[in-house]
């Protein structure tokens, strides 16, 4: 007979088999756990989507309580955020500006490149990854650098930096003049090439600058 033709007594006998009963109970337990996990995750008040893929966000900010550690720094007026949180926006710079900035990074990185998976280009200091070392591209290439980067490139970089600075200052309620870049500030290019030096591995503890 087919499964549809089984009598209630046959079904009962099948269910009395230990392995079938265990499998059924296990499947039910897994399903119940998944449903509870899904409901708790959606209603715990912690999980919150800041921005969805494909969404263009003009400006969104989720405020959180500031750390009590800031209370000991109130004497440095203007350096302490008035509010804390996480923000996202897609309109700090235009798509054209983003493409131009990427072009600047690609031009600089094409002059060198790490043997490992991570290469950097720092327009401020001139640091450029070459093989297993770093060189100062301004000294290394000298006057030839003028044929690589134009004055328009550097001007765009300054303008983009200023736009980012103003956006952060406005979001956190602080003065833009109190914000400064924390060097080193560089472009990164990362690929799947095997690491050759510690600089290619992000997890090593290090100090960028002591002041």
N, C-alpha and C. Protein backbone atom coordinates (compact mmCIF):
# COMPACT_ATOMS: atom_id res chain seq x y z
N UNK A 1 0.84 -1.20 0.00
CA UNK A 1 0.00 0.00 0.00
C UNK A 1 0.87 1.25 0.00
N UNK A 2 0.31 2.37 -0.47
CA UNK A 2 1.04 3.63 -0.50
C UNK A 2 0.95 4.31 0.85
N UNK A 3 1.75 5.41 1.00
CA UNK A 3 1.72 6.16 2.25
C UNK A 3 0.33 6.73 2.53
N UNK A 4 -0.39 7.12 1.44
CA UNK A 4 -1.71 7.72 1.62
C UNK A 4 -2.72 6.70 2.14
N UNK A 5 -2.49 5.39 1.84
CA UNK A 5 -3.45 4.35 2.19
C UNK A 5 -3.20 3.75 3.57
N UNK A 6 -2.16 4.22 4.27
CA UNK A 6 -1.85 3.66 5.58
C UNK A 6 -2.94 4.01 6.58
N UNK A 7 -3.28 3.03 7.39
CA UNK A 7 -4.30 3.24 8.42
C UNK A 7 -3.69 3.97 9.61
N UNK A 8 -4.52 4.56 10.46
CA UNK A 8 -4.00 5.23 11.67
C UNK A 8 -3.17 4.30 12.53
N UNK A 9 -3.55 3.00 12.57
CA UNK A 9 -2.80 2.04 13.39
C UNK A 9 -1.40 1.83 12.85
N UNK A 10 -1.27 1.79 11.49
CA UNK A 10 0.06 1.63 10.89
C UNK A 10 0.93 2.85 11.16
N UNK A 11 0.31 4.00 11.06
CA UNK A 11 1.05 5.24 11.34
C UNK A 11 1.52 5.25 12.79
N UNK A 12 0.64 4.76 13.68
CA UNK A 12 1.02 4.73 15.10
C UNK A 12 2.19 3.78 15.33
N UNK A 13 2.19 2.63 14.63
CA UNK A 13 3.28 1.67 14.78
C UNK A 13 4.60 2.27 14.29
N UNK A 14 4.52 3.01 13.15
CA UNK A 14 5.73 3.65 12.63
C UNK A 14 6.28 4.66 13.63
N UNK A 15 5.38 5.43 14.21
CA UNK A 15 5.82 6.48 15.14
C UNK A 15 6.41 5.89 16.41
N UNK A 16 6.04 4.63 16.73
CA UNK A 16 6.57 3.99 17.92
C UNK A 16 8.00 3.50 17.74
N UNK A 17 8.50 3.53 16.50
CA UNK A 17 9.89 3.14 16.27
C UNK A 17 10.81 4.19 16.89
N UNK A 18 11.77 3.79 17.71
CA UNK A 18 12.62 4.76 18.45
C UNK A 18 13.35 5.74 17.54
N UNK A 19 13.94 5.24 16.45
CA UNK A 19 14.74 6.15 15.61
C UNK A 19 13.88 7.19 14.93
N UNK A 20 12.65 6.77 14.53
CA UNK A 20 11.77 7.72 13.85
C UNK A 20 11.26 8.77 14.83
N UNK A 21 10.94 8.32 16.04
CA UNK A 21 10.46 9.26 17.05
C UNK A 21 11.55 10.26 17.42
N UNK A 22 12.78 9.77 17.55
CA UNK A 22 13.91 10.65 17.89
C UNK A 22 14.16 11.68 16.80
N UNK A 23 14.10 11.21 15.54
CA UNK A 23 14.33 12.13 14.42
C UNK A 23 13.26 13.20 14.36
N UNK A 24 12.01 12.78 14.59
CA UNK A 24 10.91 13.75 14.55
C UNK A 24 11.02 14.78 15.65
N UNK A 25 11.33 14.32 16.85
CA UNK A 25 11.48 15.25 17.97
C UNK A 25 12.66 16.20 17.75
N UNK A 26 13.75 15.65 17.18
CA UNK A 26 14.93 16.49 16.91
C UNK A 26 14.63 17.58 15.91
N UNK A 27 13.91 17.21 14.84
CA UNK A 27 13.55 18.20 13.82
C UNK A 27 12.65 19.28 14.40
N UNK A 28 11.71 18.85 15.25
CA UNK A 28 10.82 19.83 15.88
C UNK A 28 11.56 20.78 16.79
N UNK A 29 12.53 20.25 17.53
CA UNK A 29 13.32 21.08 18.44
C UNK A 29 14.15 22.10 17.68
N UNK A 30 14.76 21.67 16.57
CA UNK A 30 15.56 22.59 15.75
C UNK A 30 14.69 23.71 15.20
N UNK A 31 13.50 23.36 14.68
CA UNK A 31 12.60 24.35 14.11
C UNK A 31 12.15 25.35 15.17
N UNK A 32 11.81 24.84 16.36
CA UNK A 32 11.39 25.73 17.45
C UNK A 32 12.51 26.68 17.86
N UNK A 33 13.74 26.16 17.94
CA UNK A 33 14.89 26.99 18.31
C UNK A 33 15.12 28.10 17.30
N UNK A 34 15.03 27.76 16.01
CA UNK A 34 15.24 28.76 14.96
C UNK A 34 14.18 29.85 15.02
N UNK A 35 12.93 29.45 15.26
CA UNK A 35 11.85 30.44 15.34
C UNK A 35 12.04 31.37 16.53
N UNK A 36 12.41 30.79 17.69
CA UNK A 36 12.64 31.61 18.88
C UNK A 36 13.81 32.56 18.68
N UNK A 37 14.89 32.05 18.07
CA UNK A 37 16.08 32.88 17.82
C UNK A 37 15.74 34.04 16.91
N UNK A 38 14.94 33.75 15.87
CA UNK A 38 14.55 34.80 14.92
C UNK A 38 13.72 35.86 15.61
N UNK A 39 12.76 35.44 16.43
CA UNK A 39 11.90 36.40 17.11
C UNK A 39 12.67 37.23 18.13
N UNK A 40 13.56 36.58 18.89
CA UNK A 40 14.34 37.31 19.89
C UNK A 40 15.27 38.30 19.23
N UNK A 41 15.89 37.91 18.10
CA UNK A 41 16.81 38.79 17.40
C UNK A 41 16.13 40.01 16.84
N UNK A 42 14.86 39.84 16.47
CA UNK A 42 14.13 40.95 15.86
C UNK A 42 13.55 41.89 16.90
N UNK A 43 13.38 41.39 18.16
CA UNK A 43 12.68 42.18 19.16
C UNK A 43 13.55 42.54 20.36
N UNK A 44 14.86 42.25 20.28
CA UNK A 44 15.69 42.50 21.46
C UNK A 44 16.06 43.97 21.61
N UNK A 45 15.71 44.79 20.63
CA UNK A 45 15.99 46.21 20.73
C UNK A 45 17.44 46.57 20.48
N UNK A 46 18.29 45.60 20.16
CA UNK A 46 19.71 45.85 19.92
C UNK A 46 20.01 45.81 18.44
N UNK A 47 19.51 44.79 17.77
CA UNK A 47 19.76 44.64 16.34
C UNK A 47 19.00 45.72 15.58
N UNK A 48 19.72 46.52 14.83
CA UNK A 48 19.10 47.58 14.06
C UNK A 48 19.89 47.77 12.77
N UNK A 49 19.17 47.83 11.67
CA UNK A 49 19.80 48.00 10.36
C UNK A 49 20.09 49.47 10.16
N UNK A 50 21.36 49.79 9.96
CA UNK A 50 21.75 51.18 9.75
C UNK A 50 21.51 51.60 8.31
N UNK A 51 21.85 50.73 7.38
CA UNK A 51 21.62 51.01 5.96
C UNK A 51 21.56 49.69 5.21
N UNK A 52 20.62 49.57 4.33
CA UNK A 52 20.46 48.34 3.56
C UNK A 52 21.22 48.43 2.25
N UNK A 53 21.60 47.27 1.75
CA UNK A 53 22.33 47.19 0.48
C UNK A 53 21.45 47.76 -0.63
N UNK A 54 22.04 48.63 -1.44
CA UNK A 54 21.30 49.22 -2.54
C UNK A 54 20.55 50.48 -2.15
N UNK A 55 20.51 50.79 -0.86
CA UNK A 55 19.82 51.99 -0.38
C UNK A 55 20.75 53.19 -0.45
N UNK A 56 20.25 54.30 -0.95
CA UNK A 56 21.02 55.54 -0.99
C UNK A 56 20.57 56.40 0.20
N UNK A 57 21.49 56.63 1.12
CA UNK A 57 21.16 57.32 2.37
C UNK A 57 21.70 58.74 2.34
N UNK A 58 20.80 59.70 2.48
CA UNK A 58 21.23 61.10 2.50
C UNK A 58 21.90 61.43 3.83
N UNK A 59 21.45 60.81 4.88
CA UNK A 59 22.04 61.04 6.20
C UNK A 59 21.23 60.33 7.26
N UNK A 60 21.89 59.49 8.05
CA UNK A 60 21.20 58.75 9.10
C UNK A 60 22.16 58.60 10.28
N UNK A 61 21.65 58.79 11.48
CA UNK A 61 22.50 58.75 12.67
C UNK A 61 21.77 58.03 13.79
N UNK A 62 22.42 57.02 14.37
CA UNK A 62 21.87 56.31 15.52
C UNK A 62 22.69 56.71 16.73
N UNK A 63 22.06 57.41 17.65
CA UNK A 63 22.77 57.93 18.83
C UNK A 63 22.81 56.89 19.94
N UNK A 64 23.94 56.82 20.62
CA UNK A 64 24.12 55.92 21.77
C UNK A 64 24.70 56.74 22.92
N UNK A 65 24.56 56.27 24.16
CA UNK A 65 25.13 57.01 25.30
C UNK A 65 26.65 57.10 25.18
N UNK A 66 27.19 58.26 25.47
CA UNK A 66 28.64 58.44 25.42
C UNK A 66 29.30 57.75 26.61
N UNK A 67 30.54 57.36 26.42
CA UNK A 67 31.31 56.72 27.49
C UNK A 67 31.54 57.70 28.63
N UNK A 68 31.49 57.18 29.85
CA UNK A 68 31.75 58.03 31.02
C UNK A 68 33.19 58.53 31.04
N UNK A 69 34.06 57.89 30.26
CA UNK A 69 35.46 58.32 30.22
C UNK A 69 35.58 59.75 29.71
N UNK A 70 34.61 60.18 28.90
CA UNK A 70 34.68 61.53 28.36
C UNK A 70 34.56 62.60 29.44
N UNK A 71 33.96 62.24 30.58
CA UNK A 71 33.78 63.22 31.65
C UNK A 71 35.11 63.77 32.16
N UNK A 72 36.15 62.95 32.09
CA UNK A 72 37.46 63.38 32.59
C UNK A 72 38.20 64.25 31.58
N UNK A 73 37.61 64.44 30.39
CA UNK A 73 38.28 65.23 29.35
C UNK A 73 37.53 66.52 29.03
N UNK A 74 36.59 66.90 29.88
CA UNK A 74 35.82 68.10 29.62
C UNK A 74 36.68 69.36 29.60
N UNK A 75 37.85 69.28 30.24
CA UNK A 75 38.71 70.46 30.27
C UNK A 75 39.26 70.79 28.89
N UNK A 76 39.22 69.81 27.97
CA UNK A 76 39.65 70.06 26.60
C UNK A 76 38.42 70.42 25.76
N UNK A 77 37.92 71.61 25.97
CA UNK A 77 36.69 72.04 25.32
C UNK A 77 36.85 72.01 23.80
N UNK A 78 35.86 71.45 23.15
CA UNK A 78 35.88 71.37 21.69
C UNK A 78 36.43 70.07 21.16
N UNK A 79 37.11 69.31 22.01
CA UNK A 79 37.69 68.04 21.57
C UNK A 79 36.81 66.85 21.96
N UNK A 80 35.82 67.08 22.80
CA UNK A 80 34.96 66.00 23.28
C UNK A 80 33.63 66.04 22.54
N UNK A 81 33.20 64.92 21.98
CA UNK A 81 31.91 64.90 21.26
C UNK A 81 30.76 65.28 22.18
N UNK A 82 29.80 66.00 21.63
CA UNK A 82 28.61 66.36 22.38
C UNK A 82 27.57 65.24 22.32
N UNK A 83 27.71 64.40 21.33
CA UNK A 83 26.85 63.22 21.25
C UNK A 83 27.65 62.09 20.61
N UNK A 84 27.25 60.86 20.88
CA UNK A 84 27.98 59.70 20.38
C UNK A 84 27.02 58.79 19.62
N UNK A 85 27.54 58.08 18.67
CA UNK A 85 26.71 57.19 17.88
C UNK A 85 27.40 56.78 16.60
N UNK A 86 26.60 56.26 15.69
CA UNK A 86 27.13 55.83 14.40
C UNK A 86 26.25 56.40 13.29
N UNK A 87 26.90 56.99 12.30
CA UNK A 87 26.15 57.59 11.20
C UNK A 87 26.57 57.03 9.86
N UNK A 88 25.72 57.19 8.89
CA UNK A 88 26.03 56.75 7.53
C UNK A 88 25.40 57.73 6.55
N UNK A 89 26.13 58.01 5.49
CA UNK A 89 25.62 58.88 4.44
C UNK A 89 26.31 58.54 3.13
N UNK A 90 25.58 58.71 2.04
CA UNK A 90 26.14 58.45 0.71
C UNK A 90 26.37 59.74 -0.07
N UNK A 91 26.22 60.88 0.59
CA UNK A 91 26.27 62.14 -0.15
C UNK A 91 27.38 63.06 0.33
N UNK A 92 28.40 62.52 0.98
CA UNK A 92 29.53 63.37 1.39
C UNK A 92 30.26 63.88 0.15
N UNK A 93 30.51 62.98 -0.79
CA UNK A 93 31.12 63.36 -2.07
C UNK A 93 30.28 62.76 -3.19
N UNK A 94 30.49 63.26 -4.39
CA UNK A 94 29.75 62.76 -5.54
C UNK A 94 30.40 61.50 -6.09
N UNK A 95 29.68 60.78 -6.94
CA UNK A 95 30.24 59.59 -7.58
C UNK A 95 31.46 59.97 -8.42
N UNK A 96 31.38 61.11 -9.09
CA UNK A 96 32.51 61.56 -9.92
C UNK A 96 33.75 61.81 -9.06
N UNK A 97 33.56 62.45 -7.91
CA UNK A 97 34.70 62.69 -7.01
C UNK A 97 35.28 61.38 -6.49
N UNK A 98 34.40 60.42 -6.19
CA UNK A 98 34.87 59.12 -5.71
C UNK A 98 35.70 58.41 -6.77
N UNK A 99 35.26 58.49 -8.02
CA UNK A 99 36.00 57.86 -9.12
C UNK A 99 37.35 58.54 -9.33
N UNK A 100 37.38 59.87 -9.17
CA UNK A 100 38.64 60.61 -9.34
C UNK A 100 39.62 60.27 -8.22
N UNK A 101 39.11 60.17 -7.00
CA UNK A 101 39.96 59.81 -5.86
C UNK A 101 40.53 58.41 -6.07
N UNK A 102 39.71 57.50 -6.55
CA UNK A 102 40.19 56.14 -6.81
C UNK A 102 41.26 56.16 -7.89
N UNK A 103 41.09 57.00 -8.90
CA UNK A 103 42.08 57.11 -9.97
C UNK A 103 43.42 57.60 -9.42
N UNK A 104 43.37 58.54 -8.49
CA UNK A 104 44.60 59.05 -7.86
C UNK A 104 45.31 57.92 -7.13
N UNK A 105 44.55 57.14 -6.37
CA UNK A 105 45.14 56.02 -5.63
C UNK A 105 45.74 54.99 -6.58
N UNK A 106 45.04 54.69 -7.66
CA UNK A 106 45.54 53.69 -8.61
C UNK A 106 46.82 54.16 -9.29
N UNK A 107 46.89 55.46 -9.61
CA UNK A 107 48.11 55.99 -10.24
C UNK A 107 49.31 55.85 -9.31
N UNK A 108 49.09 56.19 -8.04
CA UNK A 108 50.19 56.10 -7.08
C UNK A 108 50.61 54.67 -6.81
N UNK A 109 49.65 53.78 -6.61
CA UNK A 109 49.96 52.39 -6.29
C UNK A 109 50.58 51.66 -7.48
N UNK A 110 50.32 52.14 -8.69
CA UNK A 110 50.91 51.51 -9.87
C UNK A 110 52.42 51.71 -9.93
N UNK A 111 52.94 52.65 -9.14
CA UNK A 111 54.38 52.93 -9.11
C UNK A 111 55.14 51.92 -8.27
N UNK A 112 54.42 51.16 -7.47
CA UNK A 112 55.08 50.18 -6.59
C UNK A 112 54.17 49.00 -6.36
N UNK A 113 53.96 48.70 -5.09
CA UNK A 113 53.12 47.56 -4.74
C UNK A 113 53.87 46.58 -3.87
N UNK A 114 53.20 46.10 -2.85
CA UNK A 114 53.81 45.15 -1.92
C UNK A 114 53.92 43.77 -2.53
N UNK A 115 54.92 43.00 -2.08
CA UNK A 115 55.01 41.60 -2.48
C UNK A 115 53.91 40.78 -1.82
N UNK A 116 53.38 41.31 -0.71
CA UNK A 116 52.30 40.63 0.00
C UNK A 116 50.95 41.13 -0.46
N UNK A 117 49.94 40.92 0.38
CA UNK A 117 48.59 41.25 -0.03
C UNK A 117 48.15 42.67 0.22
N UNK A 118 48.91 43.45 1.01
CA UNK A 118 48.49 44.80 1.37
C UNK A 118 49.51 45.83 0.89
N UNK A 119 49.03 46.81 0.12
CA UNK A 119 49.88 47.91 -0.35
C UNK A 119 49.28 49.22 0.13
N UNK A 120 50.13 50.20 0.45
CA UNK A 120 49.64 51.50 0.89
C UNK A 120 50.26 52.63 0.08
N UNK A 121 49.52 53.74 0.04
CA UNK A 121 50.00 54.98 -0.56
C UNK A 121 49.59 56.11 0.35
N UNK A 122 50.56 56.85 0.87
CA UNK A 122 50.30 57.98 1.76
C UNK A 122 50.74 59.25 1.06
N UNK A 123 49.77 60.05 0.62
CA UNK A 123 50.10 61.28 -0.10
C UNK A 123 50.72 62.33 0.81
N UNK A 124 50.47 62.24 2.11
CA UNK A 124 51.03 63.22 3.04
C UNK A 124 52.53 63.03 3.21
N UNK A 125 52.94 61.83 3.56
CA UNK A 125 54.36 61.56 3.81
C UNK A 125 55.09 61.07 2.58
N UNK A 126 54.34 60.58 1.58
CA UNK A 126 54.97 60.02 0.39
C UNK A 126 55.25 58.54 0.49
N UNK A 127 54.85 57.91 1.60
CA UNK A 127 55.12 56.48 1.79
C UNK A 127 54.40 55.63 0.75
N UNK A 128 55.15 54.71 0.15
CA UNK A 128 54.60 53.82 -0.87
C UNK A 128 55.19 52.43 -0.68
N UNK A 129 54.34 51.42 -0.70
CA UNK A 129 54.82 50.03 -0.60
C UNK A 129 55.52 49.63 -1.88
N UNK A 130 56.74 49.13 -1.73
CA UNK A 130 57.49 48.60 -2.88
C UNK A 130 58.17 47.31 -2.41
N UNK A 131 57.73 46.19 -2.94
CA UNK A 131 58.29 44.91 -2.51
C UNK A 131 57.99 44.64 -1.06
N UNK A 132 59.05 44.45 -0.27
CA UNK A 132 58.90 44.22 1.16
C UNK A 132 59.19 45.47 1.98
N UNK A 133 59.36 46.61 1.30
CA UNK A 133 59.77 47.83 1.99
C UNK A 133 58.85 48.99 1.62
N UNK A 134 59.18 50.17 2.17
CA UNK A 134 58.48 51.40 1.84
C UNK A 134 59.49 52.40 1.31
N UNK A 135 59.06 53.20 0.35
CA UNK A 135 59.91 54.28 -0.16
C UNK A 135 59.12 55.58 -0.07
N UNK A 136 59.85 56.69 -0.08
CA UNK A 136 59.22 58.00 -0.16
C UNK A 136 59.12 58.34 -1.64
N UNK A 137 57.92 58.29 -2.18
CA UNK A 137 57.78 58.46 -3.63
C UNK A 137 58.20 59.84 -4.10
N UNK A 138 58.12 60.86 -3.22
CA UNK A 138 58.53 62.21 -3.63
C UNK A 138 60.04 62.29 -3.80
N UNK A 139 60.78 61.58 -2.95
CA UNK A 139 62.24 61.54 -3.11
C UNK A 139 62.64 60.56 -4.20
N UNK A 140 61.97 59.44 -4.23
CA UNK A 140 62.33 58.36 -5.15
C UNK A 140 62.14 58.78 -6.61
N UNK A 141 61.05 59.48 -6.89
CA UNK A 141 60.77 59.88 -8.27
C UNK A 141 61.14 61.33 -8.56
N UNK A 142 61.38 62.12 -7.52
CA UNK A 142 61.81 63.50 -7.71
C UNK A 142 60.83 64.32 -8.53
N UNK A 143 61.36 65.08 -9.48
CA UNK A 143 60.53 65.95 -10.31
C UNK A 143 59.56 65.18 -11.20
N UNK A 144 59.84 63.89 -11.41
CA UNK A 144 58.96 63.08 -12.27
C UNK A 144 57.56 62.93 -11.67
N UNK A 145 57.46 63.19 -10.37
CA UNK A 145 56.17 63.03 -9.71
C UNK A 145 55.14 63.99 -10.28
N UNK A 146 55.62 65.11 -10.86
CA UNK A 146 54.71 66.08 -11.45
C UNK A 146 54.01 65.53 -12.69
N UNK A 147 54.62 64.51 -13.29
CA UNK A 147 54.00 63.87 -14.45
C UNK A 147 53.03 62.76 -14.05
N UNK A 148 53.01 62.48 -12.74
CA UNK A 148 52.14 61.41 -12.24
C UNK A 148 50.90 62.01 -11.57
N UNK A 149 51.15 62.94 -10.65
CA UNK A 149 50.04 63.62 -9.98
C UNK A 149 50.00 65.08 -10.43
N UNK A 150 48.81 65.56 -10.71
CA UNK A 150 48.64 66.96 -11.10
C UNK A 150 48.24 67.78 -9.88
N UNK A 151 48.31 69.09 -10.02
CA UNK A 151 47.88 69.96 -8.94
C UNK A 151 46.38 69.78 -8.68
N UNK A 152 45.64 69.45 -9.75
CA UNK A 152 44.21 69.18 -9.60
C UNK A 152 43.96 67.96 -8.72
N UNK A 153 44.84 66.97 -8.81
CA UNK A 153 44.71 65.77 -7.98
C UNK A 153 44.83 66.13 -6.50
N UNK A 154 45.85 66.91 -6.16
CA UNK A 154 46.06 67.29 -4.77
C UNK A 154 44.95 68.21 -4.27
N UNK A 155 44.46 69.08 -5.15
CA UNK A 155 43.37 69.97 -4.77
C UNK A 155 42.10 69.17 -4.48
N UNK A 156 41.82 68.18 -5.31
CA UNK A 156 40.65 67.33 -5.07
C UNK A 156 40.78 66.59 -3.75
N UNK A 157 41.97 66.08 -3.48
CA UNK A 157 42.21 65.36 -2.22
C UNK A 157 41.93 66.27 -1.03
N UNK A 158 42.39 67.52 -1.10
CA UNK A 158 42.16 68.47 -0.01
C UNK A 158 40.67 68.76 0.15
N UNK A 159 39.97 68.91 -0.96
CA UNK A 159 38.53 69.21 -0.91
C UNK A 159 37.73 68.05 -0.32
N UNK A 160 38.08 66.84 -0.72
CA UNK A 160 37.38 65.67 -0.19
C UNK A 160 37.65 65.52 1.31
N UNK A 161 38.91 65.72 1.72
CA UNK A 161 39.24 65.66 3.14
C UNK A 161 38.43 66.67 3.93
N UNK A 162 38.28 67.88 3.39
CA UNK A 162 37.53 68.92 4.08
C UNK A 162 36.05 68.56 4.18
N UNK A 163 35.50 67.96 3.13
CA UNK A 163 34.09 67.56 3.16
C UNK A 163 33.84 66.50 4.22
N UNK A 164 34.76 65.55 4.33
CA UNK A 164 34.64 64.51 5.35
C UNK A 164 34.72 65.14 6.74
N UNK A 165 35.65 66.06 6.90
CA UNK A 165 35.85 66.75 8.18
C UNK A 165 34.58 67.50 8.60
N UNK A 166 33.98 68.23 7.67
CA UNK A 166 32.78 69.01 7.97
C UNK A 166 31.60 68.11 8.29
N UNK A 167 31.49 66.99 7.58
CA UNK A 167 30.39 66.06 7.83
C UNK A 167 30.48 65.45 9.22
N UNK A 168 31.69 65.07 9.63
CA UNK A 168 31.88 64.49 10.96
C UNK A 168 31.59 65.53 12.04
N UNK A 169 32.08 66.75 11.84
CA UNK A 169 31.87 67.81 12.82
C UNK A 169 30.38 68.09 13.01
N UNK A 170 29.66 68.14 11.91
CA UNK A 170 28.22 68.42 11.99
C UNK A 170 27.48 67.27 12.67
N UNK A 171 27.85 66.04 12.35
CA UNK A 171 27.15 64.88 12.91
C UNK A 171 27.33 64.78 14.42
N UNK A 172 28.53 65.13 14.91
CA UNK A 172 28.82 64.96 16.33
C UNK A 172 28.78 66.27 17.12
N UNK A 173 28.43 67.35 16.47
CA UNK A 173 28.25 68.61 17.17
C UNK A 173 29.52 69.20 17.73
N UNK A 174 30.61 69.13 16.97
CA UNK A 174 31.87 69.72 17.40
C UNK A 174 32.39 70.65 16.31
N UNK A 175 33.38 71.44 16.65
CA UNK A 175 33.94 72.39 15.70
C UNK A 175 34.85 71.69 14.70
N UNK A 176 34.68 71.99 13.42
CA UNK A 176 35.52 71.38 12.39
C UNK A 176 36.98 71.76 12.58
N UNK A 177 37.23 72.94 13.13
CA UNK A 177 38.61 73.38 13.33
C UNK A 177 39.32 72.58 14.43
N UNK A 178 38.55 71.84 15.23
CA UNK A 178 39.14 71.03 16.30
C UNK A 178 39.47 69.62 15.83
N UNK A 179 39.08 69.30 14.60
CA UNK A 179 39.33 67.97 14.05
C UNK A 179 40.62 67.97 13.23
N UNK A 180 41.45 66.97 13.45
CA UNK A 180 42.70 66.86 12.70
C UNK A 180 42.89 65.41 12.26
N UNK A 181 43.50 65.23 11.11
CA UNK A 181 43.79 63.88 10.64
C UNK A 181 44.81 63.22 11.55
N UNK A 182 44.56 61.98 11.88
CA UNK A 182 45.52 61.19 12.67
C UNK A 182 46.40 60.42 11.70
N UNK A 183 47.63 60.84 11.57
CA UNK A 183 48.53 60.19 10.62
C UNK A 183 49.02 58.87 11.19
N UNK A 184 49.35 57.89 10.36
CA UNK A 184 49.33 57.97 8.90
C UNK A 184 47.93 57.87 8.31
N UNK A 185 47.72 58.61 7.24
CA UNK A 185 46.47 58.58 6.50
C UNK A 185 46.79 58.12 5.09
N UNK A 186 46.32 56.96 4.70
CA UNK A 186 46.77 56.41 3.42
C UNK A 186 45.68 55.62 2.70
N UNK A 187 45.90 55.44 1.41
CA UNK A 187 45.06 54.55 0.61
C UNK A 187 45.59 53.13 0.79
N UNK A 188 44.68 52.17 0.84
CA UNK A 188 45.08 50.76 0.95
C UNK A 188 44.56 49.96 -0.23
N UNK A 189 45.38 49.04 -0.70
CA UNK A 189 44.94 48.08 -1.71
C UNK A 189 45.23 46.69 -1.16
N UNK A 190 44.20 45.88 -1.02
CA UNK A 190 44.35 44.56 -0.40
C UNK A 190 43.84 43.49 -1.36
N UNK A 191 44.65 42.47 -1.56
CA UNK A 191 44.23 41.35 -2.40
C UNK A 191 44.54 40.03 -1.69
N UNK A 192 44.39 38.93 -2.40
CA UNK A 192 44.53 37.61 -1.78
C UNK A 192 45.96 37.06 -1.81
N UNK A 193 46.93 37.88 -2.22
CA UNK A 193 48.32 37.43 -2.24
C UNK A 193 48.78 37.06 -0.83
N UNK A 194 49.56 36.02 -0.70
CA UNK A 194 50.04 35.57 0.61
C UNK A 194 50.90 36.65 1.27
N UNK A 195 50.72 36.82 2.57
CA UNK A 195 51.48 37.82 3.33
C UNK A 195 52.97 37.52 3.28
N UNK A 196 53.78 38.57 3.11
CA UNK A 196 55.24 38.43 3.08
C UNK A 196 55.90 39.03 4.31
N UNK A 197 55.29 40.07 4.86
CA UNK A 197 55.84 40.71 6.06
C UNK A 197 54.71 40.95 7.05
N UNK A 198 55.07 41.41 8.25
CA UNK A 198 54.07 41.70 9.28
C UNK A 198 53.14 42.82 8.85
N UNK A 199 53.61 43.70 7.94
CA UNK A 199 52.77 44.80 7.47
C UNK A 199 51.59 44.29 6.65
N UNK A 200 51.69 43.07 6.14
CA UNK A 200 50.61 42.50 5.35
C UNK A 200 49.55 41.83 6.21
N UNK A 201 49.78 41.79 7.53
CA UNK A 201 48.86 41.14 8.46
C UNK A 201 48.33 42.18 9.44
N UNK A 202 47.03 42.37 9.44
CA UNK A 202 46.43 43.48 10.17
C UNK A 202 46.39 43.30 11.69
N UNK A 203 46.55 42.06 12.17
CA UNK A 203 46.28 41.80 13.59
C UNK A 203 47.45 42.09 14.52
N UNK A 204 48.60 42.49 13.99
CA UNK A 204 49.75 42.76 14.86
C UNK A 204 49.58 44.10 15.59
N UNK A 205 49.85 44.08 16.88
CA UNK A 205 49.77 45.32 17.66
C UNK A 205 50.93 46.23 17.29
N UNK A 206 50.64 47.52 17.11
CA UNK A 206 51.70 48.47 16.79
C UNK A 206 51.24 49.88 17.14
N UNK A 207 52.18 50.79 17.23
CA UNK A 207 51.89 52.18 17.51
C UNK A 207 52.26 53.00 16.28
N UNK A 208 51.26 53.72 15.72
CA UNK A 208 51.53 54.53 14.54
C UNK A 208 52.36 55.76 14.88
N UNK A 209 52.05 56.35 16.04
CA UNK A 209 52.74 57.59 16.41
C UNK A 209 52.72 57.75 17.92
N UNK A 210 53.84 58.15 18.49
CA UNK A 210 53.93 58.44 19.92
C UNK A 210 54.06 59.94 20.09
N UNK A 211 53.16 60.53 20.89
CA UNK A 211 53.22 61.99 21.07
C UNK A 211 53.03 62.34 22.54
